[in-house]
Amino acid sequence: REITSRFPAFRFRHVDVFNKHYNPEGEVPPAQWKFPYLDSEFDFVYLISVFTHMLPDAVRNYIHEIGRVLKPGAKSFISFFLLNDISRQLIAEGKSTFPLNHDCGDYSVLDPKFPETGVGLSESFVRRCYEESGLNISAIHYGSWCGRNNASFFQDVLVSTRK
């Protein structure tokens, strides 16, 4: 109400998506939710601190949906906790602000009882999802969350363009 009344180009939609930590009463499984928008409808998609609270099947679905709703040549700006050799080493050395110590294969979590509290995804998994969804990664800005120095962001940020 507050934002849209002042900036009508911004519209918000509430969707009751399940998340064991943040919305345990949610009725919509995130791995099955389809965005209620037409193909190639958007010029830009921006997600911050969303995929850091979602499991791989849900992330794969959302990335596919982002690829579907973006116009050709349109961009996305999305944050993650990316797991690669460097971030895993920094976590093992105890330097991470988010010690994603519970390894589940393509992802790691803070708390196995409530995995969506904090989720790191393997960078190779994320790259595959982007490729499968017709998104070209144009830049990766690695964040400081895992203990990296001189990072521009806290979370890792991927900038992509739809093919």
Protein backbone atom coordinates (compact mmCIF):
# COMPACT_ATOMS: atom_id res chain seq x y z
CA ARG A 1 0.00 0.00 0.00
CA GLU A 2 2.72 2.47 0.93
CA ILE A 3 5.07 1.93 -2.00
CA THR A 4 2.55 1.32 -4.80
CA SER A 5 0.50 4.39 -3.83
CA ARG A 6 3.59 6.54 -4.42
CA PHE A 7 5.20 4.50 -7.19
CA PRO A 8 2.46 2.83 -9.26
CA ALA A 9 4.95 0.90 -11.40
CA PHE A 10 5.71 -1.21 -8.30
CA ARG A 11 3.14 -3.89 -7.60
CA PHE A 12 3.32 -6.59 -4.98
CA ARG A 13 1.68 -9.98 -4.79
CA HIS A 14 1.56 -12.16 -1.70
CA VAL A 15 1.97 -15.87 -2.36
CA ASP A 16 1.64 -18.39 0.46
CA VAL A 17 4.82 -20.34 -0.38
CA PHE A 18 5.96 -22.96 2.14
CA ASN A 19 9.25 -22.48 3.95
CA LYS A 20 9.93 -24.63 7.01
CA HIS A 21 11.63 -21.74 8.84
CA TYR A 22 9.81 -18.62 7.64
CA ASN A 23 6.37 -19.86 6.57
CA PRO A 24 5.71 -23.38 7.90
CA GLU A 25 1.96 -22.96 7.31
CA GLY A 26 2.51 -22.10 3.64
CA GLU A 27 0.42 -24.08 1.20
CA VAL A 28 2.38 -23.70 -2.06
CA PRO A 29 5.46 -25.93 -2.52
CA PRO A 30 8.22 -23.62 -3.83
CA ALA A 31 9.58 -26.27 -6.21
CA GLN A 32 6.20 -26.32 -7.99
CA TRP A 33 5.14 -22.66 -7.93
CA LYS A 34 4.74 -21.04 -11.33
CA PHE A 35 5.12 -17.28 -11.50
CA PRO A 36 1.76 -15.74 -12.46
CA TYR A 37 3.25 -13.75 -15.33
CA LEU A 38 3.47 -14.10 -19.09
CA ASP A 39 6.58 -15.30 -20.88
CA SER A 40 9.06 -12.50 -21.67
CA GLU A 41 7.15 -9.94 -19.59
CA PHE A 42 9.95 -8.39 -17.50
CA ASP A 43 12.97 -6.19 -18.21
CA PHE A 44 14.65 -6.88 -14.87
CA VAL A 45 14.46 -9.38 -11.99
CA TYR A 46 16.00 -8.56 -8.61
CA LEU A 47 16.20 -11.06 -5.72
CA ILE A 48 18.18 -10.40 -2.57
CA SER A 49 18.33 -12.93 0.26
CA VAL A 50 15.74 -15.22 -1.31
CA PHE A 51 17.82 -18.13 -2.61
CA THR A 52 19.82 -18.12 0.63
CA HIS A 53 16.64 -19.53 2.22
CA MET A 54 15.57 -22.06 -0.41
CA LEU A 55 16.53 -25.66 -1.14
CA PRO A 56 17.91 -26.72 -4.55
CA ASP A 57 14.69 -28.02 -6.17
CA ALA A 58 12.92 -24.76 -5.35
CA VAL A 59 15.87 -22.66 -6.57
CA ARG A 60 16.00 -24.63 -9.83
CA ASN A 61 12.28 -23.97 -10.35
CA TYR A 62 12.56 -20.25 -9.57
CA ILE A 63 15.57 -19.80 -11.88
CA HIS A 64 13.63 -21.56 -14.63
CA GLU A 65 10.68 -19.23 -14.01
CA ILE A 66 12.99 -16.19 -14.04
CA GLY A 67 14.37 -17.31 -17.39
CA ARG A 68 10.82 -17.71 -18.67
CA VAL A 69 9.49 -14.30 -17.59
CA LEU A 70 12.54 -12.23 -18.61
CA LYS A 71 12.53 -10.64 -22.06
CA PRO A 72 15.42 -11.61 -24.35
CA GLY A 73 18.38 -9.45 -23.38
CA ALA A 74 16.82 -8.56 -20.01
CA LYS A 75 18.90 -8.79 -16.84
CA SER A 76 18.69 -10.33 -13.40
CA PHE A 77 20.54 -9.44 -10.19
CA ILE A 78 20.32 -12.28 -7.66
CA SER A 79 22.16 -13.06 -4.43
CA PHE A 80 23.32 -16.43 -3.14
CA PHE A 81 25.66 -18.10 -0.71
CA LEU A 82 27.79 -19.85 -3.36
CA LEU A 83 29.81 -22.87 -2.33
CA ASN A 84 33.06 -23.40 -4.20
CA ASP A 85 36.58 -24.39 -3.22
CA ILE A 86 37.37 -20.98 -1.70
CA SER A 87 34.16 -20.51 0.29
CA ARG A 88 34.24 -24.10 1.55
CA GLN A 89 37.87 -23.63 2.69
CA LEU A 90 37.02 -20.37 4.50
CA ILE A 91 34.05 -22.07 6.20
CA ALA A 92 36.32 -24.96 7.27
CA GLU A 93 38.81 -22.43 8.70
CA GLY A 94 36.03 -20.87 10.80
CA LYS A 95 36.14 -17.51 8.98
CA SER A 96 32.54 -17.50 7.75
CA THR A 97 29.82 -15.31 9.25
CA PHE A 98 27.42 -18.04 8.09
CA PRO A 99 29.03 -21.38 8.97
CA LEU A 100 27.15 -23.59 6.53
CA ASN A 101 28.68 -26.72 8.07
CA HIS A 102 25.97 -29.26 7.33
CA ASP A 103 26.91 -30.63 3.91
CA CYS A 104 24.02 -32.07 1.90
CA GLY A 105 25.80 -32.58 -1.44
CA ASP A 106 24.92 -29.72 -3.83
CA TYR A 107 24.09 -27.54 -0.84
CA SER A 108 24.94 -26.93 2.81
CA VAL A 109 22.80 -25.50 5.61
CA LEU A 110 23.17 -23.78 8.96
CA ASP A 111 20.60 -25.94 10.74
CA PRO A 112 19.54 -29.39 9.48
CA LYS A 113 16.30 -29.20 11.53
CA PHE A 114 15.31 -25.96 9.78
CA PRO A 115 17.38 -26.06 6.58
CA GLU A 116 15.83 -22.93 5.03
CA THR A 117 17.27 -20.79 7.85
CA GLY A 118 20.43 -20.47 5.75
CA VAL A 119 21.32 -22.33 2.57
CA GLY A 120 24.50 -22.32 0.51
CA LEU A 121 24.33 -23.79 -2.99
CA SER A 122 27.22 -25.24 -4.94
CA GLU A 123 28.32 -22.81 -7.61
CA SER A 124 28.34 -25.61 -10.18
CA PHE A 125 24.67 -26.40 -9.41
CA VAL A 126 23.71 -22.72 -9.80
CA ARG A 127 25.63 -22.44 -13.07
CA ARG A 128 23.79 -25.51 -14.43
CA CYS A 129 20.42 -24.01 -13.43
CA TYR A 130 21.23 -20.76 -15.22
CA GLU A 131 22.37 -22.59 -18.36
CA GLU A 132 19.26 -24.81 -18.39
CA SER A 133 17.08 -21.70 -18.04
CA GLY A 134 18.60 -19.70 -20.90
CA LEU A 135 20.44 -17.24 -18.66
CA ASN A 136 24.01 -16.10 -19.37
CA ILE A 137 25.97 -15.16 -16.26
CA SER A 138 27.71 -11.88 -17.10
CA ALA A 139 29.26 -11.23 -13.69
CA ILE A 140 29.76 -12.87 -10.31
CA HIS A 141 30.58 -10.64 -7.35
CA TYR A 142 31.73 -12.87 -4.51
CA GLY A 143 30.61 -11.66 -1.10
CA SER A 144 32.16 -11.43 2.33
CA TRP A 145 29.74 -13.85 4.05
CA CYS A 146 32.28 -16.69 4.00
CA GLY A 147 35.23 -14.61 5.17
CA ARG A 148 36.48 -13.11 1.91
CA ASN A 149 38.22 -9.75 2.24
CA ASN A 150 37.49 -6.69 0.10
CA ALA A 151 34.10 -7.88 -1.16
CA SER A 152 31.58 -5.34 -2.43
CA PHE A 153 28.59 -7.25 -1.06
CA PHE A 154 27.81 -9.51 1.89
CA GLN A 155 26.17 -12.21 -0.22
CA ASP A 156 27.45 -13.45 -3.57
CA VAL A 157 25.70 -11.70 -6.46
CA LEU A 158 25.14 -13.08 -9.94
CA VAL A 159 24.24 -10.74 -12.77
CA SER A 160 22.80 -12.44 -15.83
CA THR A 161 21.18 -11.74 -19.17
CA ARG A 162 18.51 -13.84 -20.84
CA LYS A 163 19.73 -15.34 -24.12
